[in-house]
Amino acid sequence: MKSLLAAVAAAVFSGGSWAGLGAAPGHWPAQAAAARSATVSTGSSSFTVVQHQLDSGTLVQEFVDGSGMVFAVSWSGPFLPDLKELLGVHFDAMAAQGRNQGAQHSRLAVQGSDAVIVSTGHMGGFEGRAWLPSRLPPGFDVRAMP
């Protein structure tokens, strides 16, 4: 079994381009199926969830606030999406944490003041989520993220 860190490193070199966490939604790679989106209300605010199913079978969701900023992302599937693209400037913190934990861990968790990233998995089954605490809409529950 390969480590999550090795899989994260491999994902960095996969193709594709989408919005990074904390940026405006971007263009999805050609291997992604048509996007589905839905507007969700938390009572006092609303946000849009944009869902993409990659050809690899991995499901990626972007949570976009009213100003058009991606405030959270999630992924689940047999292969990691390109986490460097998905996490944007927050990827380096995750990579550094992975180096600190060593190569045998299947869970990485980064809890900074600007971003929280949790990624778990093994070859054939990965999932994770990341969010910007300061950008979460009122009433948004990160525990409810897929």
N, C-alpha and C. Protein backbone atom coordinates (compact mmCIF):
# COMPACT_ATOMS: atom_id res chain seq x y z
N MET A 1 0.85 -1.18 0.00
CA MET A 1 0.00 0.00 0.00
C MET A 1 0.89 1.24 0.00
N LYS A 2 0.60 2.14 -0.91
CA LYS A 2 1.35 3.39 -0.97
C LYS A 2 0.76 4.38 0.02
N SER A 3 1.55 5.28 0.46
CA SER A 3 1.08 6.27 1.43
C SER A 3 0.27 7.37 0.77
N LEU A 4 -0.50 8.04 1.59
CA LEU A 4 -1.28 9.18 1.11
C LEU A 4 -0.36 10.27 0.60
N LEU A 5 0.77 10.45 1.24
CA LEU A 5 1.70 11.48 0.79
C LEU A 5 2.18 11.20 -0.63
N ALA A 6 2.51 9.95 -0.93
CA ALA A 6 2.94 9.61 -2.29
C ALA A 6 1.82 9.87 -3.28
N ALA A 7 0.59 9.56 -2.90
CA ALA A 7 -0.54 9.80 -3.79
C ALA A 7 -0.77 11.30 -3.99
N VAL A 8 -0.59 12.07 -2.93
CA VAL A 8 -0.73 13.52 -3.05
C VAL A 8 0.32 14.06 -4.02
N ALA A 9 1.54 13.59 -3.89
CA ALA A 9 2.59 14.04 -4.79
C ALA A 9 2.26 13.66 -6.23
N ALA A 10 1.74 12.47 -6.45
CA ALA A 10 1.37 12.05 -7.80
C ALA A 10 0.24 12.91 -8.35
N ALA A 11 -0.69 13.30 -7.50
CA ALA A 11 -1.83 14.10 -7.94
C ALA A 11 -1.39 15.48 -8.41
N VAL A 12 -0.29 15.98 -7.87
CA VAL A 12 0.19 17.29 -8.26
C VAL A 12 0.53 17.33 -9.74
N PHE A 13 0.97 16.21 -10.28
CA PHE A 13 1.42 16.18 -11.66
C PHE A 13 0.33 15.79 -12.63
N SER A 14 -0.89 15.55 -12.15
CA SER A 14 -1.98 15.23 -13.07
C SER A 14 -2.47 16.52 -13.72
N GLY A 15 -3.08 16.40 -14.88
CA GLY A 15 -3.54 17.59 -15.61
C GLY A 15 -4.80 18.16 -15.00
N GLY A 16 -5.21 19.30 -15.49
CA GLY A 16 -6.47 19.86 -15.05
C GLY A 16 -6.29 21.25 -14.48
N SER A 17 -7.38 21.95 -14.43
CA SER A 17 -7.34 23.29 -13.88
C SER A 17 -8.70 23.65 -13.35
N TRP A 18 -8.78 23.94 -12.09
CA TRP A 18 -10.01 24.45 -11.51
C TRP A 18 -9.65 25.47 -10.46
N ALA A 19 -10.63 26.00 -9.84
CA ALA A 19 -10.39 27.07 -8.88
C ALA A 19 -9.66 26.55 -7.67
N GLY A 20 -8.81 27.37 -7.12
CA GLY A 20 -8.19 27.03 -5.87
C GLY A 20 -9.06 27.53 -4.73
N LEU A 21 -8.94 26.91 -3.60
CA LEU A 21 -9.65 27.33 -2.40
C LEU A 21 -9.33 28.79 -2.14
N GLY A 22 -10.34 29.61 -1.99
CA GLY A 22 -10.15 31.03 -1.75
C GLY A 22 -10.11 31.87 -3.01
N ALA A 23 -10.35 31.25 -4.17
CA ALA A 23 -10.34 31.96 -5.44
C ALA A 23 -11.71 31.83 -6.09
N ALA A 24 -11.89 32.52 -7.20
CA ALA A 24 -13.14 32.38 -7.95
C ALA A 24 -13.14 31.03 -8.66
N PRO A 25 -14.30 30.43 -8.87
CA PRO A 25 -14.35 29.15 -9.58
C PRO A 25 -13.68 29.29 -10.94
N GLY A 26 -12.98 28.25 -11.33
CA GLY A 26 -12.23 28.29 -12.58
C GLY A 26 -12.75 27.31 -13.60
N HIS A 27 -11.91 27.00 -14.55
CA HIS A 27 -12.26 26.08 -15.62
C HIS A 27 -11.92 24.66 -15.19
N TRP A 28 -12.81 23.75 -15.48
CA TRP A 28 -12.59 22.35 -15.12
C TRP A 28 -11.89 21.63 -16.25
N PRO A 29 -11.14 20.61 -15.93
CA PRO A 29 -10.41 19.88 -16.96
C PRO A 29 -11.35 19.17 -17.92
N ALA A 30 -10.82 18.88 -19.08
CA ALA A 30 -11.62 18.23 -20.13
C ALA A 30 -12.14 16.87 -19.68
N GLN A 31 -11.45 16.20 -18.76
CA GLN A 31 -11.89 14.87 -18.34
C GLN A 31 -13.04 14.93 -17.33
N ALA A 32 -13.51 16.11 -16.98
CA ALA A 32 -14.63 16.23 -16.05
C ALA A 32 -15.94 16.21 -16.81
N ALA A 33 -16.91 15.51 -16.26
CA ALA A 33 -18.25 15.52 -16.85
C ALA A 33 -18.87 16.89 -16.62
N ALA A 34 -19.99 17.13 -17.25
CA ALA A 34 -20.67 18.42 -17.10
C ALA A 34 -20.96 18.68 -15.62
N ALA A 35 -20.78 19.91 -15.22
CA ALA A 35 -20.99 20.30 -13.83
C ALA A 35 -22.47 20.35 -13.50
N ARG A 36 -22.76 20.04 -12.25
CA ARG A 36 -24.10 20.24 -11.71
C ARG A 36 -23.95 21.23 -10.56
N SER A 37 -24.88 22.14 -10.47
CA SER A 37 -24.80 23.10 -9.38
C SER A 37 -26.17 23.27 -8.75
N ALA A 38 -26.14 23.65 -7.49
CA ALA A 38 -27.37 23.89 -6.76
C ALA A 38 -27.12 25.01 -5.75
N THR A 39 -28.11 25.86 -5.56
CA THR A 39 -28.02 26.89 -4.56
C THR A 39 -28.63 26.36 -3.27
N VAL A 40 -27.89 26.55 -2.17
CA VAL A 40 -28.30 26.04 -0.88
C VAL A 40 -28.44 27.22 0.07
N SER A 41 -29.45 27.19 0.91
CA SER A 41 -29.66 28.25 1.88
C SER A 41 -29.44 27.71 3.28
N THR A 42 -28.73 28.47 4.11
CA THR A 42 -28.52 28.09 5.50
C THR A 42 -29.41 28.90 6.43
N GLY A 43 -30.38 29.58 5.88
CA GLY A 43 -31.27 30.43 6.66
C GLY A 43 -30.92 31.88 6.47
N SER A 44 -29.75 32.29 6.96
CA SER A 44 -29.37 33.69 6.85
C SER A 44 -28.45 33.96 5.66
N SER A 45 -28.03 32.93 4.98
CA SER A 45 -27.17 33.13 3.81
C SER A 45 -27.37 31.98 2.84
N SER A 46 -26.86 32.16 1.63
CA SER A 46 -26.94 31.08 0.65
C SER A 46 -25.60 30.96 -0.05
N PHE A 47 -25.38 29.80 -0.63
CA PHE A 47 -24.15 29.53 -1.36
C PHE A 47 -24.49 28.54 -2.46
N THR A 48 -23.57 28.38 -3.38
CA THR A 48 -23.76 27.45 -4.49
C THR A 48 -22.79 26.29 -4.34
N VAL A 49 -23.29 25.09 -4.59
CA VAL A 49 -22.45 23.90 -4.61
C VAL A 49 -22.31 23.47 -6.06
N VAL A 50 -21.08 23.45 -6.54
CA VAL A 50 -20.80 23.01 -7.91
C VAL A 50 -20.13 21.65 -7.81
N GLN A 51 -20.74 20.66 -8.45
CA GLN A 51 -20.27 19.29 -8.35
C GLN A 51 -19.77 18.80 -9.71
N HIS A 52 -18.59 18.19 -9.70
CA HIS A 52 -17.99 17.66 -10.92
C HIS A 52 -17.61 16.20 -10.70
N GLN A 53 -17.99 15.35 -11.62
CA GLN A 53 -17.57 13.95 -11.60
C GLN A 53 -16.46 13.81 -12.63
N LEU A 54 -15.26 13.48 -12.18
CA LEU A 54 -14.13 13.32 -13.09
C LEU A 54 -14.22 11.95 -13.76
N ASP A 55 -13.59 11.81 -14.90
CA ASP A 55 -13.56 10.52 -15.59
C ASP A 55 -12.96 9.43 -14.72
N SER A 56 -12.11 9.80 -13.79
CA SER A 56 -11.47 8.84 -12.88
C SER A 56 -12.47 8.25 -11.89
N GLY A 57 -13.67 8.84 -11.82
CA GLY A 57 -14.67 8.40 -10.85
C GLY A 57 -14.69 9.26 -9.60
N THR A 58 -13.77 10.17 -9.47
CA THR A 58 -13.70 11.03 -8.30
C THR A 58 -14.70 12.18 -8.41
N LEU A 59 -15.41 12.41 -7.32
CA LEU A 59 -16.38 13.49 -7.24
C LEU A 59 -15.73 14.66 -6.51
N VAL A 60 -15.78 15.85 -7.12
CA VAL A 60 -15.23 17.07 -6.53
C VAL A 60 -16.36 18.07 -6.39
N GLN A 61 -16.44 18.70 -5.23
CA GLN A 61 -17.44 19.73 -5.00
C GLN A 61 -16.76 21.02 -4.57
N GLU A 62 -17.21 22.12 -5.16
CA GLU A 62 -16.78 23.45 -4.75
C GLU A 62 -17.97 24.15 -4.11
N PHE A 63 -17.73 24.80 -2.99
CA PHE A 63 -18.76 25.56 -2.29
C PHE A 63 -18.42 27.03 -2.50
N VAL A 64 -19.32 27.75 -3.18
CA VAL A 64 -19.04 29.11 -3.63
C VAL A 64 -19.99 30.08 -2.92
N ASP A 65 -19.43 31.12 -2.30
CA ASP A 65 -20.27 32.09 -1.60
C ASP A 65 -20.89 33.10 -2.57
N GLY A 66 -21.70 33.99 -2.05
CA GLY A 66 -22.41 34.97 -2.87
C GLY A 66 -21.52 35.92 -3.64
N SER A 67 -20.28 36.10 -3.18
CA SER A 67 -19.35 36.98 -3.89
C SER A 67 -18.58 36.25 -4.99
N GLY A 68 -18.83 34.94 -5.13
CA GLY A 68 -18.15 34.17 -6.16
C GLY A 68 -16.85 33.53 -5.72
N MET A 69 -16.60 33.49 -4.41
CA MET A 69 -15.36 32.94 -3.87
C MET A 69 -15.59 31.50 -3.39
N VAL A 70 -14.65 30.61 -3.72
CA VAL A 70 -14.71 29.23 -3.23
C VAL A 70 -14.26 29.23 -1.78
N PHE A 71 -15.19 28.91 -0.86
CA PHE A 71 -14.85 28.92 0.56
C PHE A 71 -14.62 27.52 1.11
N ALA A 72 -14.97 26.49 0.35
CA ALA A 72 -14.76 25.12 0.79
C ALA A 72 -14.74 24.20 -0.44
N VAL A 73 -14.06 23.07 -0.30
CA VAL A 73 -14.02 22.05 -1.35
C VAL A 73 -14.06 20.68 -0.68
N SER A 74 -14.55 19.70 -1.43
CA SER A 74 -14.50 18.32 -0.96
C SER A 74 -14.23 17.41 -2.14
N TRP A 75 -13.68 16.23 -1.86
CA TRP A 75 -13.41 15.25 -2.91
C TRP A 75 -13.57 13.85 -2.34
N SER A 76 -13.96 12.92 -3.21
CA SER A 76 -14.15 11.54 -2.81
C SER A 76 -14.08 10.66 -4.04
N GLY A 77 -13.27 9.61 -3.98
CA GLY A 77 -13.22 8.71 -5.12
C GLY A 77 -11.97 7.85 -5.14
N PRO A 78 -11.81 7.09 -6.20
CA PRO A 78 -10.69 6.15 -6.29
C PRO A 78 -9.34 6.81 -6.55
N PHE A 79 -9.34 8.04 -7.03
CA PHE A 79 -8.11 8.77 -7.31
C PHE A 79 -8.21 10.17 -6.74
N LEU A 80 -7.07 10.71 -6.31
CA LEU A 80 -7.04 12.09 -5.84
C LEU A 80 -7.18 13.04 -7.03
N PRO A 81 -7.95 14.11 -6.87
CA PRO A 81 -7.91 15.15 -7.90
C PRO A 81 -6.58 15.88 -7.77
N ASP A 82 -6.32 16.82 -8.63
CA ASP A 82 -5.11 17.62 -8.55
C ASP A 82 -5.24 18.57 -7.36
N LEU A 83 -4.72 18.14 -6.22
CA LEU A 83 -4.89 18.91 -4.98
C LEU A 83 -4.16 20.24 -5.01
N LYS A 84 -3.09 20.34 -5.75
CA LYS A 84 -2.39 21.63 -5.85
C LYS A 84 -3.31 22.66 -6.49
N GLU A 85 -4.04 22.26 -7.50
CA GLU A 85 -5.00 23.17 -8.15
C GLU A 85 -6.21 23.40 -7.25
N LEU A 86 -6.71 22.34 -6.65
CA LEU A 86 -7.94 22.43 -5.86
C LEU A 86 -7.75 23.25 -4.59
N LEU A 87 -6.60 23.10 -3.94
CA LEU A 87 -6.35 23.81 -2.68
C LEU A 87 -5.66 25.15 -2.89
N GLY A 88 -5.15 25.38 -4.07
CA GLY A 88 -4.50 26.65 -4.36
C GLY A 88 -3.33 26.91 -3.43
N VAL A 89 -3.25 28.12 -2.90
CA VAL A 89 -2.12 28.51 -2.06
C VAL A 89 -2.06 27.72 -0.76
N HIS A 90 -3.11 27.02 -0.41
CA HIS A 90 -3.14 26.25 0.84
C HIS A 90 -2.53 24.86 0.68
N PHE A 91 -2.21 24.47 -0.54
CA PHE A 91 -1.62 23.15 -0.78
C PHE A 91 -0.28 23.00 -0.07
N ASP A 92 0.54 24.04 -0.08
CA ASP A 92 1.87 23.95 0.51
C ASP A 92 1.82 23.58 2.00
N ALA A 93 0.84 24.11 2.71
CA ALA A 93 0.69 23.77 4.14
C ALA A 93 0.38 22.29 4.31
N MET A 94 -0.45 21.73 3.42
CA MET A 94 -0.77 20.31 3.49
C MET A 94 0.47 19.47 3.17
N ALA A 95 1.20 19.85 2.15
CA ALA A 95 2.40 19.11 1.77
C ALA A 95 3.43 19.13 2.90
N ALA A 96 3.61 20.28 3.54
CA ALA A 96 4.56 20.40 4.65
C ALA A 96 4.13 19.51 5.82
N GLN A 97 2.85 19.49 6.12
CA GLN A 97 2.35 18.65 7.20
C GLN A 97 2.60 17.19 6.87
N GLY A 98 2.41 16.81 5.63
CA GLY A 98 2.66 15.42 5.21
C GLY A 98 4.12 15.04 5.38
N ARG A 99 5.03 15.94 5.07
CA ARG A 99 6.46 15.66 5.26
C ARG A 99 6.76 15.50 6.74
N ASN A 100 6.10 16.29 7.58
CA ASN A 100 6.34 16.21 9.03
C ASN A 100 5.80 14.91 9.62
N GLN A 101 4.71 14.39 9.08
CA GLN A 101 4.11 13.17 9.62
C GLN A 101 4.84 11.92 9.16
N GLY A 102 5.54 11.98 8.06
CA GLY A 102 6.19 10.80 7.52
C GLY A 102 5.30 10.14 6.49
N ALA A 103 5.83 9.16 5.83
CA ALA A 103 5.15 8.55 4.68
C ALA A 103 4.19 7.44 5.04
N GLN A 104 4.08 7.03 6.28
CA GLN A 104 3.25 5.88 6.62
C GLN A 104 1.83 6.24 7.06
N HIS A 105 1.49 7.50 7.10
CA HIS A 105 0.17 7.90 7.57
C HIS A 105 -0.80 8.00 6.41
N SER A 106 -2.05 7.57 6.65
CA SER A 106 -3.08 7.65 5.61
C SER A 106 -4.03 8.81 5.87
N ARG A 107 -3.71 9.64 6.85
CA ARG A 107 -4.55 10.80 7.16
C ARG A 107 -3.66 12.01 7.37
N LEU A 108 -4.01 13.08 6.69
CA LEU A 108 -3.32 14.35 6.88
C LEU A 108 -4.34 15.36 7.36
N ALA A 109 -3.95 16.13 8.36
CA ALA A 109 -4.85 17.18 8.86
C ALA A 109 -4.03 18.43 9.12
N VAL A 110 -4.51 19.52 8.56
CA VAL A 110 -3.87 20.82 8.76
C VAL A 110 -4.94 21.75 9.31
N GLN A 111 -4.68 22.32 10.46
CA GLN A 111 -5.65 23.25 11.04
C GLN A 111 -4.95 24.56 11.32
N GLY A 112 -5.00 25.43 10.32
CA GLY A 112 -4.41 26.75 10.46
C GLY A 112 -5.51 27.78 10.69
N SER A 113 -5.12 28.98 10.98
CA SER A 113 -6.12 30.03 11.19
C SER A 113 -6.78 30.43 9.88
N ASP A 114 -6.07 30.25 8.77
CA ASP A 114 -6.63 30.64 7.48
C ASP A 114 -7.29 29.49 6.73
N ALA A 115 -6.90 28.24 6.98
CA ALA A 115 -7.49 27.10 6.27
C ALA A 115 -7.41 25.84 7.10
N VAL A 116 -8.41 24.98 6.91
CA VAL A 116 -8.44 23.66 7.53
C VAL A 116 -8.53 22.65 6.39
N ILE A 117 -7.64 21.66 6.41
CA ILE A 117 -7.60 20.64 5.37
C ILE A 117 -7.52 19.28 6.03
N VAL A 118 -8.40 18.36 5.62
CA VAL A 118 -8.38 17.00 6.11
C VAL A 118 -8.44 16.08 4.89
N SER A 119 -7.46 15.20 4.77
CA SER A 119 -7.41 14.28 3.64
C SER A 119 -7.08 12.90 4.16
N THR A 120 -7.88 11.93 3.77
CA THR A 120 -7.66 10.56 4.21
C THR A 120 -7.72 9.64 2.99
N GLY A 121 -7.18 8.44 3.19
CA GLY A 121 -7.34 7.47 2.12
C GLY A 121 -6.16 6.58 1.91
N HIS A 122 -6.33 5.76 0.90
CA HIS A 122 -5.34 4.79 0.46
C HIS A 122 -5.59 4.57 -1.02
N MET A 123 -4.70 3.90 -1.69
CA MET A 123 -4.87 3.68 -3.12
C MET A 123 -6.24 3.07 -3.38
N GLY A 124 -7.00 3.72 -4.24
CA GLY A 124 -8.34 3.24 -4.60
C GLY A 124 -9.47 3.87 -3.79
N GLY A 125 -9.16 4.63 -2.76
CA GLY A 125 -10.22 5.24 -1.95
C GLY A 125 -9.72 6.46 -1.20
N PHE A 126 -9.99 7.64 -1.76
CA PHE A 126 -9.54 8.88 -1.16
C PHE A 126 -10.73 9.79 -0.88
N GLU A 127 -10.61 10.56 0.17
CA GLU A 127 -11.61 11.59 0.42
C GLU A 127 -10.98 12.70 1.24
N GLY A 128 -11.57 13.85 1.13
CA GLY A 128 -11.05 14.97 1.89
C GLY A 128 -11.95 16.18 1.76
N ARG A 129 -11.63 17.15 2.56
CA ARG A 129 -12.37 18.41 2.53
C ARG A 129 -11.46 19.49 3.08
N ALA A 130 -11.73 20.68 2.63
CA ALA A 130 -10.95 21.83 3.08
C ALA A 130 -11.87 23.04 3.10
N TRP A 131 -11.61 23.94 4.02
CA TRP A 131 -12.44 25.14 4.11
C TRP A 131 -11.65 26.29 4.71
N LEU A 132 -12.17 27.47 4.45
CA LEU A 132 -11.60 28.70 4.99
C LEU A 132 -12.51 29.17 6.12
N PRO A 133 -12.13 29.00 7.38
CA PRO A 133 -13.00 29.36 8.50
C PRO A 133 -13.55 30.79 8.44
N SER A 134 -12.73 31.72 8.00
CA SER A 134 -13.17 33.12 7.98
C SER A 134 -14.18 33.40 6.86
N ARG A 135 -14.30 32.52 5.90
CA ARG A 135 -15.21 32.74 4.76
C ARG A 135 -16.49 31.91 4.85
N LEU A 136 -16.64 31.07 5.86
CA LEU A 136 -17.82 30.22 5.95
C LEU A 136 -19.08 31.07 6.14
N PRO A 137 -20.11 30.83 5.34
CA PRO A 137 -21.37 31.55 5.54
C PRO A 137 -22.00 31.18 6.88
N PRO A 138 -22.74 32.11 7.48
CA PRO A 138 -23.42 31.79 8.75
C PRO A 138 -24.30 30.55 8.57
N GLY A 139 -24.19 29.63 9.51
CA GLY A 139 -25.00 28.43 9.48
C GLY A 139 -24.40 27.28 8.68
N PHE A 140 -23.27 27.48 8.00
CA PHE A 140 -22.64 26.40 7.23
C PHE A 140 -21.97 25.44 8.19
N ASP A 141 -22.30 24.15 8.07
CA ASP A 141 -21.76 23.12 8.95
C ASP A 141 -20.75 22.28 8.18
N VAL A 142 -19.47 22.41 8.51
CA VAL A 142 -18.44 21.66 7.79
C VAL A 142 -18.58 20.15 7.99
N ARG A 143 -19.23 19.74 9.07
CA ARG A 143 -19.44 18.31 9.30
C ARG A 143 -20.44 17.71 8.32
N ALA A 144 -21.23 18.56 7.68
CA ALA A 144 -22.21 18.08 6.72
C ALA A 144 -21.64 17.98 5.29
N MET A 145 -20.41 18.43 5.12
CA MET A 145 -19.78 18.34 3.80
C MET A 145 -19.54 16.87 3.47
N PRO A 146 -19.79 16.49 2.24
CA PRO A 146 -19.51 15.08 1.86
C PRO A 146 -18.03 14.78 1.91
